[in-house]
Protein backbone atom coordinates (compact mmCIF):
# COMPACT_ATOMS: atom_id res chain seq x y z
CA UNK A 1 117.54 132.15 111.20
CA UNK A 2 115.34 132.57 114.27
CA UNK A 3 111.71 131.66 113.62
CA UNK A 4 108.76 132.39 115.91
CA UNK A 5 105.89 129.91 115.56
CA UNK A 6 102.64 131.30 116.96
CA UNK A 7 100.26 128.71 118.40
CA UNK A 8 99.99 125.72 120.70
CA UNK A 9 98.56 122.80 118.73
CA UNK A 10 99.63 119.83 116.67
CA UNK A 11 100.11 121.95 113.56
CA UNK A 12 102.47 124.28 115.41
CA UNK A 13 104.37 121.35 116.93
CA UNK A 14 104.87 119.92 113.42
CA UNK A 15 106.00 123.33 112.16
CA UNK A 16 108.48 123.73 115.00
CA UNK A 17 109.76 120.19 114.52
CA UNK A 18 110.40 120.62 110.80
CA UNK A 19 111.75 124.17 111.04
CA UNK A 20 114.19 123.13 113.77
CA UNK A 21 116.18 121.12 111.21
CA UNK A 22 117.73 124.35 109.92
CA UNK A 23 116.55 127.19 112.16
CA UNK A 24 116.38 128.27 115.78
CA UNK A 25 112.73 128.07 116.80
CA UNK A 26 110.76 129.82 119.53
CA UNK A 27 107.07 129.05 120.06
CA UNK A 28 104.46 131.24 121.69
CA UNK A 29 102.79 129.96 123.72
CA UNK A 30 103.83 126.47 122.61
CA UNK A 31 102.96 123.24 124.40
CA UNK A 32 104.74 120.62 126.55
CA UNK A 33 105.75 118.55 123.55
CA UNK A 34 107.63 121.34 121.79
CA UNK A 35 110.39 121.69 124.39
CA UNK A 36 112.65 119.23 122.58
CA UNK A 37 112.68 121.30 119.37
CA UNK A 38 111.98 124.89 120.46
CA UNK A 39 112.01 127.41 123.25
CA UNK A 40 108.50 128.13 124.51
CA UNK A 41 107.41 131.50 125.84
CA UNK A 42 104.00 132.82 126.86
CA UNK A 43 104.57 135.80 124.55
CA UNK A 44 102.78 137.80 123.26
CA UNK A 45 104.28 137.36 119.77
CA UNK A 46 104.93 141.10 119.47
CA UNK A 47 107.48 140.78 122.29
CA UNK A 48 109.38 137.87 120.74
CA UNK A 49 112.47 138.69 118.69
CA UNK A 50 112.68 136.70 115.46
CA UNK A 51 113.64 136.93 111.80
CA UNK A 52 110.42 135.29 110.66
CA UNK A 53 107.01 134.86 112.27
CA UNK A 54 104.81 131.91 111.25
CA UNK A 55 101.23 132.22 112.50
CA UNK A 56 99.59 128.83 112.93
CA UNK A 57 95.91 129.25 113.96
CA UNK A 58 93.23 131.12 112.04
CA UNK A 59 91.85 133.21 114.92
CA UNK A 60 94.91 135.49 115.36
CA UNK A 61 95.08 135.92 111.59
CA UNK A 62 91.46 137.07 111.44
CA UNK A 63 92.24 139.32 114.42
CA UNK A 64 95.02 141.08 112.48
CA UNK A 65 98.16 139.76 114.20
CA UNK A 66 100.03 139.61 110.89
CA UNK A 67 99.18 143.26 110.23
CA UNK A 68 100.53 144.32 113.62
CA UNK A 69 103.75 142.37 113.18
CA UNK A 70 104.30 143.73 109.66
CA UNK A 71 103.65 147.26 110.87
CA UNK A 72 106.55 146.72 113.27
CA UNK A 73 108.80 145.76 110.36
CA UNK A 74 108.76 141.97 110.67
CA UNK A 75 108.61 139.25 108.00
CA UNK A 76 105.41 137.26 108.54
CA UNK A 77 104.00 134.12 106.97
CA UNK A 78 100.27 134.65 107.29
CA UNK A 79 97.80 136.99 105.61
CA UNK A 80 96.59 140.23 107.09
CA UNK A 81 93.04 140.54 108.35
CA UNK A 82 91.83 141.42 104.84
CA UNK A 83 93.13 138.15 103.36
CA UNK A 84 92.11 136.15 106.43
CA UNK A 85 88.47 136.96 105.57
CA UNK A 86 88.68 134.01 103.20
CA UNK A 87 88.43 131.80 106.26
CA UNK A 88 86.73 134.25 108.60
CA UNK A 89 83.69 134.60 106.30
CA UNK A 90 82.58 131.72 104.13
CA UNK A 91 80.13 134.04 102.41
CA UNK A 92 82.95 136.39 101.35
CA UNK A 93 85.07 133.43 100.32
CA UNK A 94 82.33 132.28 97.97
CA UNK A 95 82.14 135.80 96.51
CA UNK A 96 85.87 135.66 95.77
CA UNK A 97 85.55 132.20 94.20
CA UNK A 98 82.77 133.40 91.89
CA UNK A 99 84.70 136.55 90.96
CA UNK A 100 87.79 134.47 90.20
CA UNK A 101 85.87 131.92 88.14
CA UNK A 102 86.92 129.11 90.47
CA UNK A 103 84.66 126.03 90.23
CA UNK A 104 82.65 125.46 93.40
CA UNK A 105 79.26 124.17 94.52
CA UNK A 106 76.02 126.04 93.94
CA UNK A 107 75.39 128.10 97.04
CA UNK A 108 73.71 131.06 98.66
CA UNK A 109 74.45 133.05 101.82
CA UNK A 110 71.81 133.94 104.40
CA UNK A 111 71.80 136.38 107.32
CA UNK A 112 70.01 136.11 110.67
CA UNK A 113 66.28 136.48 110.15
CA UNK A 114 66.33 134.69 106.79
CA UNK A 115 65.55 131.17 108.01
CA UNK A 116 62.49 130.88 105.76
CA UNK A 117 64.49 131.88 102.69
CA UNK A 118 67.25 129.44 103.63
CA UNK A 119 64.70 126.66 104.03
CA UNK A 120 63.20 127.39 100.62
CA UNK A 121 66.62 127.37 98.98
CA UNK A 122 67.56 124.10 100.66
CA UNK A 123 64.37 122.49 99.42
CA UNK A 124 65.19 123.64 95.88
CA UNK A 125 68.49 121.73 95.87
CA UNK A 126 69.02 118.02 95.27
CA UNK A 127 70.52 116.19 98.22
CA UNK A 128 72.72 115.88 100.07
CA UNK A 129 72.51 119.34 101.66
CA UNK A 130 75.33 121.34 103.23
CA UNK A 131 74.98 124.09 105.85
CA UNK A 132 78.07 126.04 106.95
CA UNK A 133 78.52 128.57 109.72
CA UNK A 134 79.67 131.80 108.07
CA UNK A 135 82.33 132.62 110.68
CA UNK A 136 85.13 130.68 112.36
CA UNK A 137 84.05 127.36 113.85
CA UNK A 138 87.34 125.45 114.32
CA UNK A 139 86.39 123.01 111.57
CA UNK A 140 83.16 122.03 113.35
CA UNK A 141 80.62 124.41 111.75
CA UNK A 142 79.62 122.22 108.80
CA UNK A 143 76.61 119.91 108.52
CA UNK A 144 76.30 117.51 105.60
CA UNK A 145 72.77 116.12 105.75
CA UNK A 146 71.01 113.34 103.84
CA UNK A 147 67.64 114.63 105.11
CA UNK A 148 66.57 118.09 103.93
CA UNK A 149 64.55 118.69 107.11
CA UNK A 150 67.69 118.10 109.19
CA UNK A 151 69.46 120.71 107.08
CA UNK A 152 66.56 123.16 107.42
CA UNK A 153 66.59 122.78 111.21
CA UNK A 154 70.36 123.21 111.36
CA UNK A 155 70.24 126.36 109.24
CA UNK A 156 67.50 127.82 111.42
CA UNK A 157 69.50 127.12 114.59
CA UNK A 158 72.69 128.64 113.19
CA UNK A 159 70.85 131.69 111.90
CA UNK A 160 69.84 132.60 115.44
CA UNK A 161 73.43 133.67 116.15
CA UNK A 162 75.01 134.42 112.77
CA UNK A 163 75.02 133.92 109.04
CA UNK A 164 75.21 130.68 107.09
CA UNK A 165 76.16 129.49 103.64
CA UNK A 166 73.89 126.83 102.17
CA UNK A 167 75.14 124.77 99.24
CA UNK A 168 74.54 121.65 97.23
CA UNK A 169 76.34 118.52 98.32
CA UNK A 170 78.98 117.25 95.93
CA UNK A 171 80.21 113.69 95.51
CA UNK A 172 83.73 112.36 95.17
CA UNK A 173 86.91 111.95 97.21
CA UNK A 174 88.17 114.98 99.10
CA UNK A 175 91.66 116.41 98.79
CA UNK A 176 93.69 119.10 100.52
CA UNK A 177 96.31 121.17 98.69
CA UNK A 178 98.36 123.69 100.66
CA UNK A 179 100.14 126.39 98.65
CA UNK A 180 102.76 128.88 99.80
CA UNK A 181 101.87 132.33 98.44
CA UNK A 182 103.93 135.52 98.24
CA UNK A 183 101.17 137.81 97.00
CA UNK A 184 101.76 137.08 93.32
CA UNK A 185 103.30 133.63 92.99
CA UNK A 186 102.33 130.36 94.64
CA UNK A 187 103.99 126.97 95.00
CA UNK A 188 102.18 123.80 96.10
CA UNK A 189 103.16 121.43 98.86
CA UNK A 190 102.30 117.71 98.60
CA UNK A 191 98.60 116.90 98.49
CA UNK A 192 96.96 115.21 101.48
CA UNK A 193 93.63 113.74 102.47
CA UNK A 194 92.09 114.23 105.89
CA UNK A 195 89.25 112.57 107.77
CA UNK A 196 86.79 115.08 109.20
CA UNK A 197 84.06 112.94 110.78
CA UNK A 198 84.60 111.73 114.32
CA UNK A 199 83.43 108.17 113.66
CA UNK A 200 84.79 105.32 111.59
CA UNK A 201 83.31 104.99 108.15
CA UNK A 202 82.94 108.79 108.06
CA UNK A 203 80.07 108.86 110.56
CA UNK A 204 79.16 111.34 113.25
CA UNK A 205 79.72 115.09 113.40
CA UNK A 206 82.48 117.01 111.66
CA UNK A 207 85.62 117.69 113.67
CA UNK A 208 88.80 119.65 113.17
CA UNK A 209 90.21 116.43 111.70
CA UNK A 210 90.77 112.90 113.02
CA UNK A 211 93.72 111.98 110.82
CA UNK A 212 95.36 112.45 107.43
CA UNK A 213 97.77 110.91 104.97
CA UNK A 214 100.08 111.92 102.14
CA UNK A 215 100.69 111.15 99.28
CA UNK A 216 97.24 110.43 97.90
CA UNK A 217 96.77 107.86 95.14
CA UNK A 218 95.25 109.47 92.05
CA UNK A 219 96.24 112.97 93.15
CA UNK A 220 99.65 113.37 91.62
CA UNK A 221 101.31 116.29 89.92
CA UNK A 222 98.67 116.63 87.21
CA UNK A 223 95.85 117.04 89.73
CA UNK A 224 97.88 119.50 91.84
CA UNK A 225 98.75 121.48 88.69
CA UNK A 226 95.03 121.67 87.85
CA UNK A 227 94.27 122.93 91.35
CA UNK A 228 96.94 125.61 91.02
CA UNK A 229 95.79 126.70 87.56
CA UNK A 230 92.04 126.63 88.13
CA UNK A 231 91.83 127.62 91.80
CA UNK A 232 94.86 128.94 93.68
CA UNK A 233 96.36 131.31 91.09
CA UNK A 234 93.00 132.80 90.00
CA UNK A 235 92.13 133.30 93.67
CA UNK A 236 95.41 135.15 94.28
CA UNK A 237 94.67 137.36 91.28
CA UNK A 238 91.16 138.09 92.55
CA UNK A 239 92.55 138.96 95.98
CA UNK A 240 94.99 141.42 94.39
CA UNK A 241 92.04 143.07 92.66
CA UNK A 242 90.57 143.50 96.15
CA UNK A 243 93.84 145.12 97.25
CA UNK A 244 94.91 142.08 99.26
CA UNK A 245 98.62 141.17 99.33
CA UNK A 246 98.23 137.55 100.41
CA UNK A 247 101.48 136.24 101.88
CA UNK A 248 100.91 132.98 103.64
CA UNK A 249 99.37 129.56 103.12
CA UNK A 250 96.30 129.17 100.95
CA UNK A 251 94.77 125.82 101.85
CA UNK A 252 92.31 124.57 99.28
CA UNK A 253 89.78 122.04 100.52
CA UNK A 254 88.69 120.22 97.38
CA UNK A 255 86.41 117.55 96.05
CA UNK A 256 87.36 115.49 93.00
CA UNK A 257 83.91 115.24 91.42
CA UNK A 258 82.97 113.39 88.21
CA UNK A 259 82.86 116.87 86.60
CA UNK A 260 86.34 117.86 87.77
CA UNK A 261 87.94 119.59 90.74
CA UNK A 262 85.65 121.74 92.89
CA UNK A 263 86.75 124.00 95.75
CA UNK A 264 84.75 123.32 98.91
CA UNK A 265 86.44 126.04 100.93
CA UNK A 266 89.67 127.89 101.60
CA UNK A 267 91.60 128.14 104.83
CA UNK A 268 94.36 130.70 105.27
CA UNK A 269 96.94 128.68 107.22
CA UNK A 270 98.51 125.25 107.35
CA UNK A 271 95.88 122.57 107.76
CA UNK A 272 95.65 120.55 110.93
CA UNK A 273 96.15 117.55 110.78
CA UNK A 274 97.46 117.96 107.20
CA UNK A 275 100.56 119.78 108.46
CA UNK A 276 101.53 116.69 110.45
CA UNK A 277 101.81 114.63 107.24
CA UNK A 278 102.80 117.23 104.65
CA UNK A 279 105.60 119.12 106.41
CA UNK A 280 107.63 116.03 107.43
CA UNK A 281 107.81 115.07 103.74
CA UNK A 282 109.51 118.36 102.73
CA UNK A 283 113.26 117.79 102.37
CA UNK A 284 114.28 121.35 101.46
CA UNK A 285 115.04 124.07 103.99
CA UNK A 286 111.47 124.80 105.08
CA UNK A 287 112.46 128.00 106.89
CA UNK A 288 113.92 129.50 103.71
CA UNK A 289 110.82 128.65 101.68
CA UNK A 290 108.55 130.22 104.31
CA UNK A 291 110.71 133.33 104.50
CA UNK A 292 110.67 133.65 100.71
CA UNK A 293 106.87 133.63 100.74
CA UNK A 294 106.74 136.12 103.62
CA UNK A 295 109.12 138.50 101.85
CA UNK A 296 107.43 138.30 98.44
CA UNK A 297 110.31 136.38 96.91
CA UNK A 298 109.20 132.88 95.92
CA UNK A 299 111.17 131.59 92.94
CA UNK A 300 109.57 131.86 89.51
CA UNK A 301 110.02 128.12 89.02
CA UNK A 302 110.34 125.03 91.18
CA UNK A 303 108.68 123.67 94.30
CA UNK A 304 110.06 122.42 97.63
CA UNK A 305 111.79 119.05 97.28
CA UNK A 306 109.73 116.21 98.73
CA UNK A 307 111.04 112.88 99.99
CA UNK A 308 109.71 109.53 98.81
CA UNK A 309 108.31 108.46 102.18
CA UNK A 310 104.60 108.51 102.96
CA UNK A 311 103.18 109.89 106.21
CA UNK A 312 100.00 109.02 108.11
CA UNK A 313 98.80 110.81 111.23
CA UNK A 314 96.13 109.52 113.63
CA UNK A 315 94.47 111.88 116.12
CA UNK A 316 93.77 110.84 119.69
CA UNK A 317 90.94 112.97 121.07
CA UNK A 318 89.28 113.49 124.44
CA UNK A 319 86.02 111.66 125.20
CA UNK A 320 83.03 113.70 124.06
CA UNK A 321 84.92 115.39 121.23
CA UNK A 322 83.87 117.41 119.23
CA UNK A 323 80.66 118.52 120.95
CA UNK A 324 81.62 118.38 124.65
CA UNK A 325 85.18 117.13 125.19
CA UNK A 326 86.05 116.03 128.72
CA UNK A 327 89.62 117.00 129.54
CA UNK A 328 92.01 116.27 132.40
CA UNK A 329 92.76 112.59 131.73
CA UNK A 330 96.24 111.40 132.62
CA UNK A 331 98.31 110.49 129.52
CA UNK A 332 100.91 107.72 129.58
CA UNK A 333 103.12 106.14 126.94
CA UNK A 334 104.03 109.21 124.87
CA UNK A 335 107.77 108.70 125.33
CA UNK A 336 107.43 105.00 124.49
CA UNK A 337 105.50 105.85 121.31
CA UNK A 338 108.04 108.48 120.27
CA UNK A 339 110.86 105.96 120.68
CA UNK A 340 109.34 103.62 118.10
CA UNK A 341 110.93 103.55 114.64
CA UNK A 342 109.53 106.15 112.24
CA UNK A 343 107.01 107.56 114.73
CA UNK A 344 106.61 111.20 115.78
CA UNK A 345 104.10 112.32 118.39
CA UNK A 346 102.76 115.86 117.97
CA UNK A 347 101.01 117.45 120.94
CA UNK A 348 97.68 119.03 120.00
CA UNK A 349 96.05 119.63 123.38
CA UNK A 350 98.20 118.65 126.34
CA UNK A 351 99.26 120.30 129.58
CA UNK A 352 101.93 119.53 132.15
CA UNK A 353 100.70 117.93 135.38
CA UNK A 354 102.16 119.20 138.69
CA UNK A 355 104.32 116.07 138.97
CA UNK A 356 105.74 116.54 135.49
CA UNK A 357 103.41 114.14 133.68
CA UNK A 358 100.92 114.97 130.95
CA UNK A 359 97.18 115.50 130.99
CA UNK A 360 94.67 116.01 128.18
CA UNK A 361 93.85 119.71 127.87
CA UNK A 362 91.89 119.96 124.61
CA UNK A 363 89.49 118.24 122.27
CA UNK A 364 92.24 116.85 120.08
CA UNK A 365 95.05 115.73 122.35
CA UNK A 366 97.77 114.10 120.23
CA UNK A 367 98.50 113.51 116.55
CA UNK A 368 100.64 110.40 116.10
CA UNK A 369 102.49 110.44 112.78
CA UNK A 370 104.10 107.41 111.16
CA UNK A 371 106.46 107.34 108.18
CA UNK A 372 107.11 104.56 105.73
CA UNK A 373 107.98 103.75 102.14
CA UNK A 374 104.27 103.62 101.35
CA UNK A 375 100.98 104.61 102.98
CA UNK A 376 100.35 101.13 104.37
CA UNK A 377 103.73 101.07 106.15
CA UNK A 378 103.27 104.60 107.46
CA UNK A 379 99.80 103.67 108.71
CA UNK A 380 101.17 100.66 110.58
CA UNK A 381 103.80 102.86 112.24
CA UNK A 382 101.21 105.47 113.24
CA UNK A 383 98.90 102.91 114.84
CA UNK A 384 101.82 101.28 116.64
CA UNK A 385 102.44 104.68 118.20
CA UNK A 386 98.77 105.11 119.07
CA UNK A 387 98.70 101.69 120.74
CA UNK A 388 101.64 102.65 122.95
CA UNK A 389 99.72 105.64 124.38
CA UNK A 390 96.88 105.51 126.86
CA UNK A 391 94.42 107.91 128.49
CA UNK A 392 90.89 107.35 129.74
CA UNK A 393 88.21 107.52 127.07
CA UNK A 394 90.55 108.27 124.17
CA UNK A 395 88.67 108.67 120.90
CA UNK A 396 90.57 107.16 117.94
CA UNK A 397 89.43 106.28 114.46
CA UNK A 398 90.85 102.94 113.37
CA UNK A 399 90.25 103.47 109.65
CA UNK A 400 92.57 106.39 108.90
CA UNK A 401 94.22 105.83 105.49
CA UNK A 402 92.68 102.38 105.42
CA UNK A 403 92.14 102.52 101.69
CA UNK A 404 95.36 104.44 101.04
């Protein structure tokens, strides 16, 4: 099978790496780290010949790339623009959750010009307070505030340029469950937990993710089954009622509250950095599972076989990330890190220097993944890889999976 992976980040590198076990992989546009597992081409995807197209980032999904590829007769893992609205509009996502009876936080959506109404609603809620940009924000459009006036100011600022969703803050550990969907059926992949804040101890602004690990203690098969029964499958049914044939990845961002599982949000693609810890644990032929979802043919029973190893990934980001990343730093030590036992280095934002070296070219630069018989061993391997790599001002959290 020839698979085209669309994208250029760490998620796409992990996809290409894992798909290359059983398939021929081409990436568009790809990145410098993918050359050892795939052919990279500038594209566009519509000009790449493949048996299956896997769309990594959310922006091309919202833009309708899956629709265009399907119209040309191709098998595609990724929803059309109608299904991608789940991520493209948090307000619409909440409407779908309510219609499907999926448990979520109390919330209300506001449009530009409604800052006063948003402020009044915020002040009616107990803290903490959550303000979310309605549209795409690359994982950085969420404020969780302990001060209601901070939330009011944030909502007012965001409402100058677009809509927001305001909701009550929930308490409990977070969890990510990624499910392959074929429009009717869905099968879960292993659960993971990511770390969204830039600073250790979960401080500082939200990012696209500073690390992740899988498996997660206390989130075994019973919890995943509850997520499928109470969230993913009802959401698929609600989407069908909207005329949406959702074939792709439904990524449920969850909180395990004292009152049960609550859906914080949905994404419509593999998570990043969750993909870097979930996909390496899949032992089955990943390409065949993705094609089955794309073609509407997931099996009625069973899930992809998962190995016993744990995985931990640690993100190395550019200085100033996420608000104003400074790129261009020279990167050394990647080959040394990749040569360490049970370490894989996924390129998230790198570029080739004229002399053949590497430079930082994005906010998140590398995702260093370690494997081991348990989370502690995988964490040690990941940080050994991180310590082998160097670039000026690298931002690294040292507490990823620390309590795993």
